[in-house]
């Protein structure tokens, strides 16, 4: 009886164990199937995600490239005027103000337009100052006539063309007496007075120059010494017959020469005109003397 009971218990135990194994196996298979389905589902999802990410990346990359391209063009459009101004300033720094034209532009950028406006104002101011300085460098500040620098430049231009021209050297008689009697202020007015008369008797192509102190030069283009005498006499007679700032007439002495023998140096012509002027002074002043050829005579 006990043996049968043990056998039944053992058989029941075995059966329970078999049922446990079967249950675990069924559960394991079920879990595996569930897990497999989940994995397959996840892989499908991952594939979809990969697909989506791929096209999103491609689309984003295309948008980024397009954005960079458009940004580059926009920046170039915005900065192009600035680069133009920089290039123009570089040319100005090389002293090419007179031969360089300022670039013109109009952009939607208000700040750039304002910068261009202010830059234009500065350039115009610089041009005006440059012209004023250039004029000051070429003219006598008191009389407004050309100075010796301009005279030398004109001489070089005319000499290069082998054109005939005459030189008049003009000196105010007894100018020291004028300064001593009426003061240097009136003396300056007399200098301006003779400068204006020189302009009145000269032509547009002639050069009127203050040579220094009370000495003046007239360079008459296309004129020889004989024809220049007519101009000189017109000036001398006008001075002698017109009341000056002193309240009475002031006279001048004039020496004339020309380039008939083609001297290569302005200094030679000026020395010859000066010799003729010295002769006019020695002969009593208020007269015109022609010295058309070199003369060994010198001032004592």
Protein backbone atom coordinates (compact mmCIF):
# COMPACT_ATOMS: atom_id res chain seq x y z
CA UNK A 1 0.00 0.00 0.00
CA UNK A 2 2.80 2.43 0.91
CA UNK A 3 4.72 1.37 -2.15
CA UNK A 4 1.77 2.19 -4.41
CA UNK A 5 1.34 5.54 -2.72
CA UNK A 6 5.02 6.40 -3.27
CA UNK A 7 4.78 5.28 -6.85
CA UNK A 8 1.74 7.48 -7.42
CA UNK A 9 3.42 10.40 -5.71
CA UNK A 10 6.51 9.93 -7.83
CA UNK A 11 4.42 9.61 -10.98
CA UNK A 12 2.52 12.75 -9.99
CA UNK A 13 5.80 14.50 -9.34
CA UNK A 14 7.11 13.45 -12.76
CA UNK A 15 3.86 14.55 -14.36
CA UNK A 16 4.08 17.91 -12.63
CA UNK A 17 7.68 18.32 -13.77
CA UNK A 18 6.69 17.40 -17.32
CA UNK A 19 3.87 19.90 -17.16
CA UNK A 20 6.30 22.51 -15.82
CA UNK A 21 8.78 21.84 -18.62
CA UNK A 22 5.95 21.91 -21.16
CA UNK A 23 4.62 25.13 -19.71
CA UNK A 24 8.06 26.77 -19.65
CA UNK A 25 8.67 25.58 -23.21
CA UNK A 26 5.32 26.93 -24.37
CA UNK A 27 5.95 30.20 -22.56
CA UNK A 28 9.47 30.39 -23.99
CA UNK A 29 8.22 29.76 -27.49
CA UNK A 30 5.47 32.30 -26.97
CA UNK A 31 7.92 34.88 -25.64
CA UNK A 32 10.25 34.15 -28.52
CA UNK A 33 7.47 34.58 -31.03
CA UNK A 34 6.33 37.77 -29.34
CA UNK A 35 9.89 39.04 -29.18
CA UNK A 36 10.49 38.07 -32.80
CA UNK A 37 7.40 39.87 -33.93
CA UNK A 38 8.44 42.88 -31.89
CA UNK A 39 11.93 42.81 -33.38
CA UNK A 40 10.54 42.50 -36.90
CA UNK A 41 8.16 45.36 -36.17
CA UNK A 42 10.98 47.45 -34.71
CA UNK A 43 13.19 46.71 -37.72
CA UNK A 44 10.39 47.87 -39.97
CA UNK A 45 10.10 51.01 -37.89
CA UNK A 46 13.88 51.50 -37.90
CA UNK A 47 13.92 51.06 -41.66
CA UNK A 48 11.20 53.63 -41.98
CA UNK A 49 13.13 55.91 -39.66
CA UNK A 50 16.30 55.36 -41.69
CA UNK A 51 14.42 56.14 -44.89
CA UNK A 52 12.92 59.25 -43.39
CA UNK A 53 16.26 60.38 -41.98
CA UNK A 54 17.98 59.78 -45.32
CA UNK A 55 15.57 61.96 -47.26
CA UNK A 56 15.43 64.55 -44.51
CA UNK A 57 19.23 64.72 -44.53
CA UNK A 58 19.33 65.00 -48.32
CA UNK A 59 16.66 67.69 -48.31
CA UNK A 60 18.35 69.58 -45.46
CA UNK A 61 21.72 69.39 -47.20
CA UNK A 62 20.19 70.76 -50.38
CA UNK A 63 18.55 73.57 -48.39
CA UNK A 64 21.84 74.34 -46.64
CA UNK A 65 23.72 74.49 -49.95
CA UNK A 66 21.02 76.71 -51.46
CA UNK A 67 21.06 78.90 -48.36
CA UNK A 68 24.85 79.26 -48.51
CA UNK A 69 24.70 80.11 -52.22
CA UNK A 70 21.98 82.72 -51.76
CA UNK A 71 23.76 84.12 -48.70
CA UNK A 72 26.99 84.46 -50.68
CA UNK A 73 25.19 86.28 -53.48
CA UNK A 74 23.41 88.51 -50.99
CA UNK A 75 26.64 89.35 -49.17
CA UNK A 76 28.34 90.09 -52.49
CA UNK A 77 25.45 92.35 -53.46
CA UNK A 78 25.61 94.16 -50.15
CA UNK A 79 29.40 94.48 -50.00
CA UNK A 80 29.97 95.21 -53.71
CA UNK A 81 29.53 98.98 -53.18
CA UNK A 82 31.88 98.83 -50.22
CA UNK A 83 34.52 97.06 -52.30
CA UNK A 84 34.06 99.67 -55.03
CA UNK A 85 34.68 102.42 -52.49
CA UNK A 86 37.74 100.58 -51.16
CA UNK A 87 39.18 100.25 -54.68
CA UNK A 88 38.48 103.93 -55.31
CA UNK A 89 40.21 104.90 -52.06
CA UNK A 90 43.22 102.79 -53.06
CA UNK A 91 43.47 104.76 -56.32
CA UNK A 92 43.16 108.01 -54.40
CA UNK A 93 45.97 106.93 -52.08
CA UNK A 94 48.19 106.59 -55.17
CA UNK A 95 47.57 110.21 -56.12
CA UNK A 96 45.16 109.55 -58.97
CA UNK A 97 42.38 111.85 -57.78
CA UNK A 98 42.16 113.80 -61.04
CA UNK A 99 42.09 110.74 -63.32
CA UNK A 100 39.78 108.57 -61.24
CA UNK A 101 35.99 108.68 -61.32
CA UNK A 102 34.12 107.84 -58.16
CA UNK A 103 31.83 104.78 -58.58
CA UNK A 104 28.10 105.43 -58.31
CA UNK A 105 25.57 102.96 -56.96
CA UNK A 106 22.27 102.66 -55.14
CA UNK A 107 21.40 99.78 -52.82
CA UNK A 108 18.47 98.90 -50.55
CA UNK A 109 20.94 99.16 -47.69
CA UNK A 110 20.28 102.58 -46.19
CA UNK A 111 23.47 102.53 -44.14
CA UNK A 112 25.53 101.91 -47.30
CA UNK A 113 23.74 104.72 -49.14
CA UNK A 114 24.42 107.03 -46.21
CA UNK A 115 28.09 105.99 -46.20
CA UNK A 116 28.29 106.71 -49.94
CA UNK A 117 26.74 110.13 -49.44
CA UNK A 118 29.16 111.06 -46.67
CA UNK A 119 32.07 109.65 -48.67
CA UNK A 120 31.04 111.78 -51.68
CA UNK A 121 30.96 114.88 -49.49
CA UNK A 122 34.45 114.11 -48.18
CA UNK A 123 35.80 113.52 -51.72
CA UNK A 124 34.27 116.76 -52.99
CA UNK A 125 35.81 118.61 -50.06
CA UNK A 126 39.18 116.96 -50.77
CA UNK A 127 38.94 117.87 -54.47
CA UNK A 128 38.17 121.47 -53.60
CA UNK A 129 41.07 121.61 -51.17
CA UNK A 130 43.32 119.90 -53.72
CA UNK A 131 42.34 122.45 -56.39
CA UNK A 132 42.91 125.30 -53.94
CA UNK A 133 46.31 123.95 -52.93
CA UNK A 134 47.24 123.40 -56.57
CA UNK A 135 46.20 126.95 -57.40
CA UNK A 136 48.11 128.30 -54.41
CA UNK A 137 51.20 126.37 -55.53
CA UNK A 138 50.96 127.88 -59.02
CA UNK A 139 49.98 131.46 -58.23
CA UNK A 140 51.29 134.42 -56.28
CA UNK A 141 49.03 134.81 -53.21
CA UNK A 142 49.06 138.63 -53.31
CA UNK A 143 48.45 139.42 -56.99
CA UNK A 144 46.89 136.18 -58.21
CA UNK A 145 49.40 136.03 -61.07
CA UNK A 146 51.39 132.93 -61.94
CA UNK A 147 54.51 132.27 -59.93
CA UNK A 148 57.95 131.22 -61.17
CA UNK A 149 57.06 127.54 -60.94
CA UNK A 150 54.21 128.02 -63.42
CA UNK A 151 56.41 130.15 -65.65
CA UNK A 152 58.99 127.38 -65.86
CA UNK A 153 56.31 124.80 -66.69
CA UNK A 154 54.84 126.96 -69.48
CA UNK A 155 58.34 127.66 -70.83
CA UNK A 156 59.01 123.91 -71.02
CA UNK A 157 55.75 123.32 -72.91
CA UNK A 158 56.31 126.10 -75.42
CA UNK A 159 59.99 125.28 -75.87
CA UNK A 160 59.07 121.67 -76.70
CA UNK A 161 56.97 122.92 -79.63
CA UNK A 162 59.72 125.28 -80.90
CA UNK A 163 57.15 128.06 -80.92
CA UNK A 164 58.34 131.66 -80.96
CA UNK A 165 57.69 133.65 -77.79
CA UNK A 166 58.85 136.87 -76.17
CA UNK A 167 59.73 137.62 -72.57
CA UNK A 168 58.97 140.96 -70.91
CA UNK A 169 60.65 141.77 -67.59
CA UNK A 170 58.81 144.61 -65.85
CA UNK A 171 59.99 146.55 -62.82
CA UNK A 172 58.13 149.30 -60.92
CA UNK A 173 60.20 152.48 -60.86
CA UNK A 174 61.17 153.77 -57.41
CA UNK A 175 59.02 151.18 -55.65
CA UNK A 176 61.06 151.58 -52.46
CA UNK A 177 59.96 155.23 -52.36
CA UNK A 178 56.34 154.10 -52.67
CA UNK A 179 56.71 151.80 -49.65
CA UNK A 180 58.62 154.37 -47.64
CA UNK A 181 56.16 157.18 -48.44
CA UNK A 182 52.79 155.43 -48.40
CA UNK A 183 53.50 152.26 -46.40
CA UNK A 184 53.69 148.61 -47.39
CA UNK A 185 49.90 148.29 -47.47
CA UNK A 186 49.67 150.80 -50.30
CA UNK A 187 52.73 149.19 -51.83
CA UNK A 188 50.85 145.87 -51.98
CA UNK A 189 47.90 147.66 -53.60
CA UNK A 190 50.25 149.03 -56.27
CA UNK A 191 51.50 145.50 -56.96
CA UNK A 192 47.93 144.31 -57.42
CA UNK A 193 47.22 147.36 -59.57
CA UNK A 194 50.00 146.58 -62.06
CA UNK A 195 49.02 142.90 -62.02
CA UNK A 196 45.51 143.82 -63.15
CA UNK A 197 46.83 146.06 -65.92
CA UNK A 198 49.09 143.23 -67.13
CA UNK A 199 46.06 140.96 -67.37
CA UNK A 200 44.17 143.64 -69.29
CA UNK A 201 46.82 144.01 -72.01
CA UNK A 202 47.61 140.29 -72.31
CA UNK A 203 45.89 137.50 -74.24
CA UNK A 204 44.49 134.25 -72.88
CA UNK A 205 47.52 132.26 -74.07
CA UNK A 206 50.00 134.69 -72.47
CA UNK A 207 51.43 134.16 -69.00
CA UNK A 208 51.61 136.99 -66.46
CA UNK A 209 53.93 136.22 -63.57
CA UNK A 210 55.10 137.93 -60.44
CA UNK A 211 58.81 137.18 -60.48
CA UNK A 212 59.62 138.55 -57.05
CA UNK A 213 59.29 141.82 -55.13
CA UNK A 214 58.28 144.53 -57.62
CA UNK A 215 59.48 142.57 -60.66
CA UNK A 216 57.03 140.95 -63.07
CA UNK A 217 57.33 138.74 -66.15
CA UNK A 218 55.08 138.46 -69.19
CA UNK A 219 55.59 135.50 -71.53
CA UNK A 220 53.89 136.20 -74.87
CA UNK A 221 53.34 133.04 -76.93
CA UNK A 222 53.68 133.25 -80.73
CA UNK A 223 55.24 136.71 -80.49
CA UNK A 224 58.74 137.98 -81.24
CA UNK A 225 60.48 140.85 -79.48
CA UNK A 226 59.40 143.50 -82.01
CA UNK A 227 55.71 142.66 -81.71
CA UNK A 228 56.07 142.29 -77.94
CA UNK A 229 57.21 145.92 -77.80
CA UNK A 230 53.68 147.00 -78.76
CA UNK A 231 52.24 145.16 -75.75
CA UNK A 232 54.98 146.50 -73.49
CA UNK A 233 54.36 150.08 -74.58
CA UNK A 234 50.63 149.70 -74.09
CA UNK A 235 51.26 148.55 -70.52
CA UNK A 236 53.87 151.24 -69.83
CA UNK A 237 51.69 154.04 -71.17
CA UNK A 238 48.68 152.76 -69.24
CA UNK A 239 50.69 152.75 -66.02
CA UNK A 240 52.05 156.23 -66.68
CA UNK A 241 48.63 157.71 -67.42
CA UNK A 242 46.49 156.01 -64.77
CA UNK A 243 46.22 157.03 -61.13
CA UNK A 244 47.52 154.27 -58.93
CA UNK A 245 46.56 153.48 -55.29
CA UNK A 246 49.12 156.10 -54.26
CA UNK A 247 46.87 158.79 -55.71
CA UNK A 248 49.11 159.41 -58.72
CA UNK A 249 50.63 157.48 -61.58
CA UNK A 250 53.45 155.01 -61.03
CA UNK A 251 55.80 154.23 -63.91
CA UNK A 252 57.50 151.01 -64.99
CA UNK A 253 60.61 150.06 -66.94
CA UNK A 254 60.48 147.06 -69.28
CA UNK A 255 63.15 144.85 -70.84
CA UNK A 256 62.27 142.56 -73.77
CA UNK A 257 63.88 139.54 -75.40
CA UNK A 258 62.69 136.53 -77.38
CA UNK A 259 63.73 132.96 -78.18
CA UNK A 260 64.73 133.62 -81.79
CA UNK A 261 68.03 131.76 -81.25
CA UNK A 262 66.22 128.94 -79.39
CA UNK A 263 67.96 129.03 -75.99
CA UNK A 264 67.38 125.83 -74.03
CA UNK A 265 67.27 127.47 -70.62
CA UNK A 266 64.71 129.92 -69.28
CA UNK A 267 67.45 131.37 -67.11
CA UNK A 268 69.27 132.62 -70.23
CA UNK A 269 66.18 134.42 -71.49
CA UNK A 270 65.53 135.95 -68.08
CA UNK A 271 69.11 137.19 -67.88
CA UNK A 272 68.81 138.78 -71.32
CA UNK A 273 65.49 140.43 -70.43
CA UNK A 274 67.05 141.60 -67.17
CA UNK A 275 69.95 143.17 -69.08
CA UNK A 276 67.45 145.04 -71.28
CA UNK A 277 65.54 146.12 -68.16
CA UNK A 278 68.76 147.39 -66.60
CA UNK A 279 69.42 149.42 -69.75
CA UNK A 280 65.93 150.95 -69.48
CA UNK A 281 66.64 151.90 -65.87
CA UNK A 282 69.99 153.45 -66.80
CA UNK A 283 68.39 155.43 -69.62
CA UNK A 284 66.00 157.21 -67.27
CA UNK A 285 63.26 154.66 -66.43
CA UNK A 286 59.67 154.66 -67.73
CA UNK A 287 60.79 153.17 -71.02
CA UNK A 288 61.01 149.90 -72.97
CA UNK A 289 64.26 148.37 -74.26
CA UNK A 290 64.63 145.30 -76.52
CA UNK A 291 67.53 142.90 -76.02
CA UNK A 292 67.02 140.33 -78.78
CA UNK A 293 70.41 138.59 -78.61
CA UNK A 294 72.91 137.67 -75.89
CA UNK A 295 74.86 140.60 -74.54
CA UNK A 296 77.96 140.39 -72.32
CA UNK A 297 76.83 143.41 -70.34
CA UNK A 298 76.14 142.73 -66.64
CA UNK A 299 74.84 144.75 -63.80
CA UNK A 300 77.38 146.67 -61.82
